[in-house]
Amino acid sequence: MSTDFTSLWVIAAIAAAGFQTLRFMLQKVLSTAVLSPAGATFARFFYSAPVIILLTGLYLATTGQALPQQSVTFWIFVFAGGLSQIIATIFVVTLFKSRSFAVGVTLMKTEVILSVIIGLILLGEGVSAAAFAAIALGLVGVLLLSTPPQVAGLGMSEMLNRGVALGLGSGILFAVSAVSYRGASLELDVADPFVRAAVTLAVVTGSQMIGMAAWLWLRDRPQLGAVWGARRVAVWIGVMSMGGSFGWFLAFTLQTAAYVKAVGQVELIFSLLASVLFFGERSTLRELSGMAVLVTSILALVLVI
């Protein structure tokens, strides 16, 4: 890897976190007022995939580079990551209806911890004993966050609820998608990281757009019209999705998923600001404590991996 790109992945990850926060804000608004969770998820692909594919083609043409060949392993990673991301996004948008914006995003961000484990399984990117200690600390934060605000106790039965299942489920699936996307980009035999990121992103979002369109056509056809009807807002979901996705994919081509997602935890700060300033939500002391513990574990993870 060229030393010219050693810090680029950090900038890309922070920018991606900012774009992703804005996208989830828009999806929260649309999912509660206009679109179903599946419709709000489809909107991000419908309004971003065509532009991404066009820009990728233009970049290849202007730089005189050929489209890199894709192996079978590349496509396996693409489909595994794409499907995981779709389901995870639906989980998150559904979660926003039952939990606050900030808590929903924080539970989702367990993907950082989980990506270490999944990265080890899929790509052989291991962690040290100290990293596992940081993971254990993160589980404490998850337990604090998992108890609904109205519950005073700390019983395990009270912590097993639908919101927790959605949050942790999305975290697992987002971790799978992150590691899969890194694996896919590494399968492309090309030196330019922008080409690896753009081609992988174009293939993934194109596949997701086609797959979700077919699913909605068969299972919830009115949502296709609703996505078009909400285009004045939904198109911005596509724009934010395009910026965020390219940032993540570029970072994944340059660094392991665990590092990238760890830096992306700046999104927690962005989501707290959004929760207070735009949605007028307030977090409980328990939830703030859980966020603090989880953030501490993530920072510890960054120091030891």
C-alpha atoms as a PDB file:
ATOM      1  CA  MET A   1       0.000   0.000   0.000  1.00  0.00           C
ATOM      2  CA  SER A   2       1.317   3.400  -0.905  1.00  0.00           C
ATOM      3  CA  THR A   3       2.201   5.653   2.004  1.00  0.00           C
ATOM      4  CA  ASP A   4       0.272   8.396   0.226  1.00  0.00           C
ATOM      5  CA  PHE A   5      -2.922   6.721   1.431  1.00  0.00           C
ATOM      6  CA  THR A   6      -1.924   5.989   5.048  1.00  0.00           C
ATOM      7  CA  SER A   7      -4.157   8.701   6.534  1.00  0.00           C
ATOM      8  CA  LEU A   8      -6.755   8.885   3.758  1.00  0.00           C
ATOM      9  CA  TRP A   9      -8.773   6.052   5.276  1.00  0.00           C
ATOM     10  CA  VAL A  10      -9.233   8.032   8.523  1.00  0.00           C
ATOM     11  CA  ILE A  11     -10.595  11.056   6.649  1.00  0.00           C
ATOM     12  CA  ALA A  12     -12.828   8.802   4.538  1.00  0.00           C
ATOM     13  CA  ALA A  13     -14.232   7.036   7.621  1.00  0.00           C
ATOM     14  CA  ILE A  14     -15.049  10.300   9.440  1.00  0.00           C
ATOM     15  CA  ALA A  15     -16.723  11.733   6.335  1.00  0.00           C
ATOM     16  CA  ALA A  16     -18.681   8.506   5.874  1.00  0.00           C
ATOM     17  CA  ALA A  17     -19.909   8.680   9.475  1.00  0.00           C
ATOM     18  CA  GLY A  18     -21.199  12.199   8.900  1.00  0.00           C
ATOM     19  CA  PHE A  19     -23.022  11.253   5.698  1.00  0.00           C
ATOM     20  CA  GLN A  20     -24.484   8.155   7.350  1.00  0.00           C
ATOM     21  CA  THR A  21     -25.879  10.152  10.264  1.00  0.00           C
ATOM     22  CA  LEU A  22     -27.636  12.508   7.865  1.00  0.00           C
ATOM     23  CA  ARG A  23     -29.019   9.547   5.894  1.00  0.00           C
ATOM     24  CA  PHE A  24     -30.436   7.841   8.983  1.00  0.00           C
ATOM     25  CA  MET A  25     -32.031  11.133  10.044  1.00  0.00           C
ATOM     26  CA  LEU A  26     -33.854  11.341   6.712  1.00  0.00           C
ATOM     27  CA  GLN A  27     -34.813   7.659   6.837  1.00  0.00           C
ATOM     28  CA  LYS A  28     -36.193   8.126  10.344  1.00  0.00           C
ATOM     29  CA  VAL A  29     -38.425  10.965   9.126  1.00  0.00           C
ATOM     30  CA  LEU A  30     -39.652   9.086   6.051  1.00  0.00           C
ATOM     31  CA  SER A  31     -40.171   5.777   7.843  1.00  0.00           C
ATOM     32  CA  THR A  32     -42.400   7.384  10.463  1.00  0.00           C
ATOM     33  CA  ALA A  33     -44.379   9.543   8.050  1.00  0.00           C
ATOM     34  CA  VAL A  34     -44.347   8.149   4.501  1.00  0.00           C
ATOM     35  CA  LEU A  35     -42.422   4.947   3.856  1.00  0.00           C
ATOM     36  CA  SER A  36     -42.192   1.521   5.437  1.00  0.00           C
ATOM     37  CA  PRO A  37     -38.795   0.404   6.744  1.00  0.00           C
ATOM     38  CA  ALA A  38     -38.274  -1.573   3.519  1.00  0.00           C
ATOM     39  CA  GLY A  39     -39.346   1.422   1.425  1.00  0.00           C
ATOM     40  CA  ALA A  40     -37.008   3.788   3.253  1.00  0.00           C
ATOM     41  CA  THR A  41     -34.180   1.293   2.747  1.00  0.00           C
ATOM     42  CA  PHE A  42     -34.932   0.896  -0.970  1.00  0.00           C
ATOM     43  CA  ALA A  43     -34.925   4.681  -1.393  1.00  0.00           C
ATOM     44  CA  ARG A  44     -31.219   4.894  -0.554  1.00  0.00           C
ATOM     45  CA  PHE A  45     -30.337   2.435  -3.337  1.00  0.00           C
ATOM     46  CA  PHE A  46     -32.842   3.698  -5.896  1.00  0.00           C
ATOM     47  CA  TYR A  47     -31.573   7.267  -5.696  1.00  0.00           C
ATOM     48  CA  SER A  48     -27.859   6.449  -5.423  1.00  0.00           C
ATOM     49  CA  ALA A  49     -27.014   3.331  -7.465  1.00  0.00           C
ATOM     50  CA  PRO A  50     -27.523   4.854 -10.954  1.00  0.00           C
ATOM     51  CA  VAL A  51     -25.367   7.872 -10.076  1.00  0.00           C
ATOM     52  CA  ILE A  52     -22.649   5.681  -8.544  1.00  0.00           C
ATOM     53  CA  ILE A  53     -22.537   3.453 -11.629  1.00  0.00           C
ATOM     54  CA  LEU A  54     -22.352   6.503 -13.919  1.00  0.00           C
ATOM     55  CA  LEU A  55     -19.590   8.179 -11.909  1.00  0.00           C
ATOM     56  CA  THR A  56     -17.606   4.942 -11.765  1.00  0.00           C
ATOM     57  CA  GLY A  57     -17.780   4.623 -15.540  1.00  0.00           C
ATOM     58  CA  LEU A  58     -16.709   8.237 -15.988  1.00  0.00           C
ATOM     59  CA  TYR A  59     -13.756   7.796 -13.619  1.00  0.00           C
ATOM     60  CA  LEU A  60     -12.558   4.705 -15.466  1.00  0.00           C
ATOM     61  CA  ALA A  61     -12.912   6.465 -18.820  1.00  0.00           C
ATOM     62  CA  THR A  62     -11.153   9.682 -17.806  1.00  0.00           C
ATOM     63  CA  THR A  63      -8.247   7.851 -16.140  1.00  0.00           C
ATOM     64  CA  GLY A  64      -7.896   5.376 -18.979  1.00  0.00           C
ATOM     65  CA  GLN A  65      -8.310   2.346 -16.718  1.00  0.00           C
ATOM     66  CA  ALA A  66     -10.131  -0.844 -17.649  1.00  0.00           C
ATOM     67  CA  LEU A  67     -12.864  -2.426 -15.577  1.00  0.00           C
ATOM     68  CA  PRO A  68     -11.060  -4.940 -13.327  1.00  0.00           C
ATOM     69  CA  GLN A  69     -12.038  -8.593 -13.600  1.00  0.00           C
ATOM     70  CA  GLN A  70     -14.246  -9.975 -10.848  1.00  0.00           C
ATOM     71  CA  SER A  71     -13.626 -13.422  -9.408  1.00  0.00           C
ATOM     72  CA  VAL A  72     -16.223 -15.815  -8.002  1.00  0.00           C
ATOM     73  CA  THR A  73     -15.011 -14.936  -4.508  1.00  0.00           C
ATOM     74  CA  PHE A  74     -15.603 -11.246  -5.277  1.00  0.00           C
ATOM     75  CA  TRP A  75     -19.260 -11.954  -6.118  1.00  0.00           C
ATOM     76  CA  ILE A  76     -19.738 -14.111  -3.038  1.00  0.00           C
ATOM     77  CA  PHE A  77     -18.479 -11.268  -0.860  1.00  0.00           C
ATOM     78  CA  VAL A  78     -20.657  -8.777  -2.766  1.00  0.00           C
ATOM     79  CA  PHE A  79     -23.880 -10.729  -2.348  1.00  0.00           C
ATOM     80  CA  ALA A  80     -23.168 -11.631   1.289  1.00  0.00           C
ATOM     81  CA  GLY A  81     -22.388  -8.019   2.145  1.00  0.00           C
ATOM     82  CA  GLY A  82     -25.247  -6.574   0.124  1.00  0.00           C
ATOM     83  CA  LEU A  83     -27.924  -8.834   1.616  1.00  0.00           C
ATOM     84  CA  SER A  84     -26.605  -8.335   5.144  1.00  0.00           C
ATOM     85  CA  GLN A  85     -26.635  -4.553   4.705  1.00  0.00           C
ATOM     86  CA  ILE A  86     -30.219  -4.522   3.391  1.00  0.00           C
ATOM     87  CA  ILE A  87     -31.571  -6.530   6.318  1.00  0.00           C
ATOM     88  CA  ALA A  88     -29.490  -4.552   8.812  1.00  0.00           C
ATOM     89  CA  THR A  89     -30.764  -1.231   7.459  1.00  0.00           C
ATOM     90  CA  ILE A  90     -34.379  -2.424   7.700  1.00  0.00           C
ATOM     91  CA  PHE A  91     -33.704  -3.437  11.314  1.00  0.00           C
ATOM     92  CA  VAL A  92     -32.305   0.012  12.122  1.00  0.00           C
ATOM     93  CA  VAL A  93     -35.153   1.948  10.494  1.00  0.00           C
ATOM     94  CA  THR A  94     -37.637  -0.271  12.372  1.00  0.00           C
ATOM     95  CA  LEU A  95     -35.697   0.332  15.583  1.00  0.00           C
ATOM     96  CA  PHE A  96     -36.086   4.088  15.186  1.00  0.00           C
ATOM     97  CA  LYS A  97     -39.843   3.648  15.670  1.00  0.00           C
ATOM     98  CA  SER A  98     -39.439   2.140  19.133  1.00  0.00           C
ATOM     99  CA  ARG A  99     -36.244   3.687  20.501  1.00  0.00           C
ATOM    100  CA  SER A 100     -34.623   7.106  20.351  1.00  0.00           C
ATOM    101  CA  PHE A 101     -32.426   8.070  17.405  1.00  0.00           C
ATOM    102  CA  ALA A 102     -29.217   8.202  19.443  1.00  0.00           C
ATOM    103  CA  VAL A 103     -29.797   4.898  21.272  1.00  0.00           C
ATOM    104  CA  GLY A 104     -30.767   3.187  18.027  1.00  0.00           C
ATOM    105  CA  VAL A 105     -27.539   4.225  16.352  1.00  0.00           C
ATOM    106  CA  THR A 106     -25.487   3.279  19.425  1.00  0.00           C
ATOM    107  CA  LEU A 107     -26.904  -0.242  19.559  1.00  0.00           C
ATOM    108  CA  MET A 108     -26.251  -0.550  15.835  1.00  0.00           C
ATOM    109  CA  LYS A 109     -22.630   0.430  16.437  1.00  0.00           C
ATOM    110  CA  THR A 110     -21.957  -2.856  18.205  1.00  0.00           C
ATOM    111  CA  GLU A 111     -20.887  -3.717  14.655  1.00  0.00           C
ATOM    112  CA  VAL A 112     -17.472  -2.287  15.578  1.00  0.00           C
ATOM    113  CA  ILE A 113     -16.937  -4.918  18.240  1.00  0.00           C
ATOM    114  CA  LEU A 114     -18.512  -7.666  16.179  1.00  0.00           C
ATOM    115  CA  SER A 115     -16.498  -6.820  13.062  1.00  0.00           C
ATOM    116  CA  VAL A 116     -13.336  -7.870  14.903  1.00  0.00           C
ATOM    117  CA  ILE A 117     -14.736 -11.359  15.454  1.00  0.00           C
ATOM    118  CA  ILE A 118     -16.231 -11.649  11.974  1.00  0.00           C
ATOM    119  CA  GLY A 119     -13.044 -10.292  10.410  1.00  0.00           C
ATOM    120  CA  LEU A 120     -11.132 -13.075  12.138  1.00  0.00           C
ATOM    121  CA  ILE A 121     -13.549 -15.691  10.835  1.00  0.00           C
ATOM    122  CA  LEU A 122     -13.834 -14.473   7.225  1.00  0.00           C
ATOM    123  CA  LEU A 123     -10.481 -12.811   6.535  1.00  0.00           C
ATOM    124  CA  GLY A 124      -8.192 -14.159   9.243  1.00  0.00           C
ATOM    125  CA  GLU A 125      -7.629 -10.684  10.748  1.00  0.00           C
ATOM    126  CA  GLY A 126      -7.124 -11.573  14.401  1.00  0.00           C
ATOM    127  CA  VAL A 127      -7.033  -9.522  17.602  1.00  0.00           C
ATOM    128  CA  SER A 128      -5.031  -9.645  20.818  1.00  0.00           C
ATOM    129  CA  ALA A 129      -6.148 -10.612  24.324  1.00  0.00           C
ATOM    130  CA  ALA A 130      -6.358  -6.904  25.174  1.00  0.00           C
ATOM    131  CA  ALA A 131      -8.801  -6.441  22.301  1.00  0.00           C
ATOM    132  CA  PHE A 132     -11.051  -9.146  23.714  1.00  0.00           C
ATOM    133  CA  ALA A 133     -10.991  -7.310  27.064  1.00  0.00           C
ATOM    134  CA  ALA A 134     -12.211  -4.184  25.282  1.00  0.00           C
ATOM    135  CA  ILE A 135     -14.944  -6.279  23.644  1.00  0.00           C
ATOM    136  CA  ALA A 136     -16.066  -7.510  27.068  1.00  0.00           C
ATOM    137  CA  LEU A 137     -16.280  -3.932  28.318  1.00  0.00           C
ATOM    138  CA  GLY A 138     -18.411  -3.081  25.304  1.00  0.00           C
ATOM    139  CA  LEU A 139     -20.886  -5.802  26.254  1.00  0.00           C
ATOM    140  CA  VAL A 140     -21.463  -3.990  29.561  1.00  0.00           C
ATOM    141  CA  GLY A 141     -22.427  -0.869  27.635  1.00  0.00           C
ATOM    142  CA  VAL A 142     -24.794  -2.904  25.472  1.00  0.00           C
ATOM    143  CA  LEU A 143     -26.513  -4.327  28.551  1.00  0.00           C
ATOM    144  CA  LEU A 144     -27.031  -0.825  29.953  1.00  0.00           C
ATOM    145  CA  LEU A 145     -28.449   0.348  26.639  1.00  0.00           C
ATOM    146  CA  SER A 146     -30.659  -2.691  26.183  1.00  0.00           C
ATOM    147  CA  THR A 147     -33.004  -1.942  29.089  1.00  0.00           C
ATOM    148  CA  PRO A 148     -36.016   0.157  28.045  1.00  0.00           C
ATOM    149  CA  PRO A 149     -36.038   3.656  29.645  1.00  0.00           C
ATOM    150  CA  GLN A 150     -39.188   2.934  31.659  1.00  0.00           C
ATOM    151  CA  VAL A 151     -37.680  -0.135  33.349  1.00  0.00           C
ATOM    152  CA  ALA A 152     -36.067   0.541  36.711  1.00  0.00           C
ATOM    153  CA  GLY A 153     -34.495  -2.870  37.328  1.00  0.00           C
ATOM    154  CA  LEU A 154     -31.611  -4.661  35.689  1.00  0.00           C
ATOM    155  CA  GLY A 155     -33.162  -8.120  35.310  1.00  0.00           C
ATOM    156  CA  MET A 156     -32.097 -10.099  32.266  1.00  0.00           C
ATOM    157  CA  SER A 157     -35.740 -10.747  31.349  1.00  0.00           C
ATOM    158  CA  GLU A 158     -36.280  -7.008  31.081  1.00  0.00           C
ATOM    159  CA  MET A 159     -33.284  -6.644  28.792  1.00  0.00           C
ATOM    160  CA  LEU A 160     -34.521  -9.192  26.267  1.00  0.00           C
ATOM    161  CA  ASN A 161     -36.822  -7.064  24.149  1.00  0.00           C
ATOM    162  CA  ARG A 162     -37.566  -6.361  20.500  1.00  0.00           C
ATOM    163  CA  GLY A 163     -35.471  -3.186  20.434  1.00  0.00           C
ATOM    164  CA  VAL A 164     -32.390  -5.040  21.624  1.00  0.00           C
ATOM    165  CA  ALA A 165     -32.883  -7.820  19.067  1.00  0.00           C
ATOM    166  CA  LEU A 166     -33.162  -5.262  16.264  1.00  0.00           C
ATOM    167  CA  GLY A 167     -30.166  -3.252  17.443  1.00  0.00           C
ATOM    168  CA  LEU A 168     -27.845  -6.183  18.009  1.00  0.00           C
ATOM    169  CA  GLY A 169     -29.102  -7.938  14.893  1.00  0.00           C
ATOM    170  CA  SER A 170     -28.276  -4.894  12.803  1.00  0.00           C
ATOM    171  CA  GLY A 171     -24.852  -4.706  14.453  1.00  0.00           C
ATOM    172  CA  ILE A 172     -24.044  -8.294  13.503  1.00  0.00           C
ATOM    173  CA  LEU A 173     -25.257  -7.855   9.943  1.00  0.00           C
ATOM    174  CA  PHE A 174     -23.478  -4.528   9.443  1.00  0.00           C
ATOM    175  CA  ALA A 175     -20.285  -6.185  10.678  1.00  0.00           C
ATOM    176  CA  VAL A 176     -20.733  -8.988   8.150  1.00  0.00           C
ATOM    177  CA  SER A 177     -21.302  -6.455   5.365  1.00  0.00           C
ATOM    178  CA  ALA A 178     -18.261  -4.369   6.347  1.00  0.00           C
ATOM    179  CA  VAL A 179     -15.911  -7.351   6.371  1.00  0.00           C
ATOM    180  CA  SER A 180     -17.458  -8.695   3.160  1.00  0.00           C
ATOM    181  CA  TYR A 181     -16.986  -5.389   1.359  1.00  0.00           C
ATOM    182  CA  ARG A 182     -13.346  -5.270   2.387  1.00  0.00           C
ATOM    183  CA  GLY A 183     -12.945  -8.839   1.176  1.00  0.00           C
ATOM    184  CA  ALA A 184     -14.577  -7.968  -2.158  1.00  0.00           C
ATOM    185  CA  SER A 185     -12.386  -4.914  -2.738  1.00  0.00           C
ATOM    186  CA  LEU A 186      -9.247  -6.921  -1.994  1.00  0.00           C
ATOM    187  CA  GLU A 187     -10.263  -9.386  -4.715  1.00  0.00           C
ATOM    188  CA  LEU A 188      -9.896  -6.695  -7.402  1.00  0.00           C
ATOM    189  CA  ASP A 189      -6.410  -6.786  -8.908  1.00  0.00           C
ATOM    190  CA  VAL A 190      -5.873  -3.045  -9.371  1.00  0.00           C
ATOM    191  CA  ALA A 191      -3.552  -0.605  -7.605  1.00  0.00           C
ATOM    192  CA  ASP A 192      -5.835   2.453  -7.609  1.00  0.00           C
ATOM    193  CA  PRO A 193      -7.865   2.361  -4.339  1.00  0.00           C
ATOM    194  CA  PHE A 194     -10.480   4.675  -5.855  1.00  0.00           C
ATOM    195  CA  VAL A 195     -11.157   2.138  -8.607  1.00  0.00           C
ATOM    196  CA  ARG A 196     -11.408  -0.725  -6.129  1.00  0.00           C
ATOM    197  CA  ALA A 197     -13.803   1.261  -3.935  1.00  0.00           C
ATOM    198  CA  ALA A 198     -15.920   2.634  -6.788  1.00  0.00           C
ATOM    199  CA  VAL A 199     -16.268  -0.649  -8.707  1.00  0.00           C
ATOM    200  CA  THR A 200     -17.134  -2.605  -5.571  1.00  0.00           C
ATOM    201  CA  LEU A 201     -19.640   0.051  -4.522  1.00  0.00           C
ATOM    202  CA  ALA A 202     -21.224   0.205  -7.994  1.00  0.00           C
ATOM    203  CA  VAL A 203     -21.685  -3.564  -8.151  1.00  0.00           C
ATOM    204  CA  VAL A 204     -23.044  -3.759  -4.603  1.00  0.00           C
ATOM    205  CA  THR A 205     -25.546  -0.886  -4.848  1.00  0.00           C
ATOM    206  CA  GLY A 206     -26.676  -1.964  -8.313  1.00  0.00           C
ATOM    207  CA  SER A 207     -27.382  -5.465  -7.027  1.00  0.00           C
ATOM    208  CA  GLN A 208     -29.158  -4.106  -3.954  1.00  0.00           C
ATOM    209  CA  MET A 209     -31.355  -1.807  -6.042  1.00  0.00           C
ATOM    210  CA  ILE A 210     -32.433  -4.632  -8.373  1.00  0.00           C
ATOM    211  CA  GLY A 211     -32.962  -7.105  -5.536  1.00  0.00           C
ATOM    212  CA  MET A 212     -35.047  -4.749  -3.395  1.00  0.00           C
ATOM    213  CA  ALA A 213     -37.105  -3.572  -6.377  1.00  0.00           C
ATOM    214  CA  ALA A 214     -37.998  -7.186  -7.160  1.00  0.00           C
ATOM    215  CA  TRP A 215     -38.828  -7.872  -3.503  1.00  0.00           C
ATOM    216  CA  LEU A 216     -41.103  -4.850  -3.171  1.00  0.00           C
ATOM    217  CA  TRP A 217     -42.766  -5.619  -6.514  1.00  0.00           C
ATOM    218  CA  LEU A 218     -43.738  -9.038  -5.170  1.00  0.00           C
ATOM    219  CA  ARG A 219     -44.455  -8.221  -1.518  1.00  0.00           C
ATOM    220  CA  ASP A 220     -45.282  -4.519  -1.106  1.00  0.00           C
ATOM    221  CA  ARG A 221     -45.817  -2.952  -4.525  1.00  0.00           C
ATOM    222  CA  PRO A 222     -47.368   0.331  -3.268  1.00  0.00           C
ATOM    223  CA  GLN A 223     -44.027   1.193  -1.646  1.00  0.00           C
ATOM    224  CA  LEU A 224     -42.432   1.519  -5.092  1.00  0.00           C
ATOM    225  CA  GLY A 225     -44.817   4.363  -5.880  1.00  0.00           C
ATOM    226  CA  ALA A 226     -44.363   5.798  -2.389  1.00  0.00           C
ATOM    227  CA  VAL A 227     -40.580   5.961  -2.863  1.00  0.00           C
ATOM    228  CA  TRP A 228     -41.080   7.928  -6.077  1.00  0.00           C
ATOM    229  CA  GLY A 229     -43.720  10.109  -4.445  1.00  0.00           C
ATOM    230  CA  ALA A 230     -41.340  10.978  -1.632  1.00  0.00           C
ATOM    231  CA  ARG A 231     -38.548  11.839  -4.070  1.00  0.00           C
ATOM    232  CA  ARG A 232     -38.089  15.418  -2.861  1.00  0.00           C
ATOM    233  CA  VAL A 233     -36.746  14.080   0.422  1.00  0.00           C
ATOM    234  CA  ALA A 234     -35.792  10.553  -0.641  1.00  0.00           C
ATOM    235  CA  VAL A 235     -33.388  11.815  -3.288  1.00  0.00           C
ATOM    236  CA  TRP A 236     -31.316  13.300  -0.477  1.00  0.00           C
ATOM    237  CA  ILE A 237     -31.206   9.870   1.143  1.00  0.00           C
ATOM    238  CA  GLY A 238     -29.583   8.721  -2.068  1.00  0.00           C
ATOM    239  CA  VAL A 239     -27.114  11.598  -2.058  1.00  0.00           C
ATOM    240  CA  MET A 240     -26.116  11.023   1.580  1.00  0.00           C
ATOM    241  CA  SER A 241     -25.950   7.277   0.952  1.00  0.00           C
ATOM    242  CA  MET A 242     -23.654   7.775  -2.025  1.00  0.00           C
ATOM    243  CA  GLY A 243     -21.258   9.987  -0.067  1.00  0.00           C
ATOM    244  CA  GLY A 244     -21.258   7.757   2.987  1.00  0.00           C
ATOM    245  CA  SER A 245     -20.931   4.496   1.083  1.00  0.00           C
ATOM    246  CA  PHE A 246     -18.015   5.707  -1.003  1.00  0.00           C
ATOM    247  CA  GLY A 247     -16.271   6.890   2.155  1.00  0.00           C
ATOM    248  CA  TRP A 248     -16.707   3.486   3.810  1.00  0.00           C
ATOM    249  CA  PHE A 249     -15.678   1.545   0.724  1.00  0.00           C
ATOM    250  CA  LEU A 250     -12.601   3.689   0.146  1.00  0.00           C
ATOM    251  CA  ALA A 251     -11.557   3.229   3.774  1.00  0.00           C
ATOM    252  CA  PHE A 252     -12.145  -0.545   3.548  1.00  0.00           C
ATOM    253  CA  THR A 253      -9.778  -0.810   0.589  1.00  0.00           C
ATOM    254  CA  LEU A 254      -7.028   0.859   2.626  1.00  0.00           C
ATOM    255  CA  GLN A 255      -7.520  -0.551   6.139  1.00  0.00           C
ATOM    256  CA  THR A 256      -9.132  -3.467   7.989  1.00  0.00           C
ATOM    257  CA  ALA A 257     -12.834  -3.214   8.789  1.00  0.00           C
ATOM    258  CA  ALA A 258     -12.225  -3.145  12.556  1.00  0.00           C
ATOM    259  CA  TYR A 259     -10.035  -0.041  12.372  1.00  0.00           C
ATOM    260  CA  VAL A 260     -12.364   1.710   9.932  1.00  0.00           C
ATOM    261  CA  LYS A 261     -15.471   1.075  11.987  1.00  0.00           C
ATOM    262  CA  ALA A 262     -13.681   2.075  15.177  1.00  0.00           C
ATOM    263  CA  VAL A 263     -12.834   5.496  13.734  1.00  0.00           C
ATOM    264  CA  GLY A 264     -16.400   5.697  12.440  1.00  0.00           C
ATOM    265  CA  GLN A 265     -17.611   5.795  16.035  1.00  0.00           C
ATOM    266  CA  VAL A 266     -17.497   9.567  15.716  1.00  0.00           C
ATOM    267  CA  GLU A 267     -20.993   8.942  14.378  1.00  0.00           C
ATOM    268  CA  LEU A 268     -22.109   8.487  18.006  1.00  0.00           C
ATOM    269  CA  ILE A 269     -21.362  12.155  18.645  1.00  0.00           C
ATOM    270  CA  PHE A 270     -23.109  13.146  15.423  1.00  0.00           C
ATOM    271  CA  SER A 271     -26.184  11.079  16.325  1.00  0.00           C
ATOM    272  CA  LEU A 272     -26.424  12.563  19.819  1.00  0.00           C
ATOM    273  CA  LEU A 273     -26.378  16.052  18.322  1.00  0.00           C
ATOM    274  CA  ALA A 274     -29.052  15.043  15.816  1.00  0.00           C
ATOM    275  CA  SER A 275     -31.175  13.442  18.524  1.00  0.00           C
ATOM    276  CA  VAL A 276     -31.199  16.588  20.661  1.00  0.00           C
ATOM    277  CA  LEU A 277     -31.157  19.340  18.023  1.00  0.00           C
ATOM    278  CA  PHE A 278     -33.484  17.893  15.377  1.00  0.00           C
ATOM    279  CA  PHE A 279     -35.737  15.324  17.050  1.00  0.00           C
ATOM    280  CA  GLY A 280     -36.035  16.918  20.507  1.00  0.00           C
ATOM    281  CA  GLU A 281     -35.245  13.592  22.171  1.00  0.00           C
ATOM    282  CA  ARG A 282     -33.639  13.160  25.568  1.00  0.00           C
ATOM    283  CA  SER A 283     -31.592  10.183  26.698  1.00  0.00           C
ATOM    284  CA  THR A 284     -31.914   8.711  30.204  1.00  0.00           C
ATOM    285  CA  LEU A 285     -28.999   8.521  32.626  1.00  0.00           C
ATOM    286  CA  ARG A 286     -28.850   4.758  32.061  1.00  0.00           C
ATOM    287  CA  GLU A 287     -28.628   5.217  28.296  1.00  0.00           C
ATOM    288  CA  LEU A 288     -25.984   7.918  28.577  1.00  0.00           C
ATOM    289  CA  SER A 289     -23.994   5.641  30.886  1.00  0.00           C
ATOM    290  CA  GLY A 290     -24.295   2.809  28.376  1.00  0.00           C
ATOM    291  CA  MET A 291     -23.128   5.069  25.566  1.00  0.00           C
ATOM    292  CA  ALA A 292     -20.162   6.218  27.648  1.00  0.00           C
ATOM    293  CA  VAL A 293     -19.126   2.645  28.474  1.00  0.00           C
ATOM    294  CA  LEU A 294     -19.531   1.534  24.884  1.00  0.00           C
ATOM    295  CA  VAL A 295     -17.515   4.476  23.567  1.00  0.00           C
ATOM    296  CA  THR A 296     -14.804   3.761  26.164  1.00  0.00           C
ATOM    297  CA  SER A 297     -14.604   0.151  25.005  1.00  0.00           C
ATOM    298  CA  ILE A 298     -14.330   1.263  21.399  1.00  0.00           C
ATOM    299  CA  LEU A 299     -11.549   3.701  22.195  1.00  0.00           C
ATOM    300  CA  ALA A 300      -9.743   0.955  24.088  1.00  0.00           C
ATOM    301  CA  LEU A 301     -10.205  -1.302  21.093  1.00  0.00           C
ATOM    302  CA  VAL A 302      -8.587   1.269  18.830  1.00  0.00           C
ATOM    303  CA  LEU A 303      -5.546   1.408  21.099  1.00  0.00           C
ATOM    304  CA  VAL A 304      -4.970  -2.335  21.212  1.00  0.00           C
ATOM    305  CA  ILE A 305      -5.774  -3.613  17.723  1.00  0.00           C
END
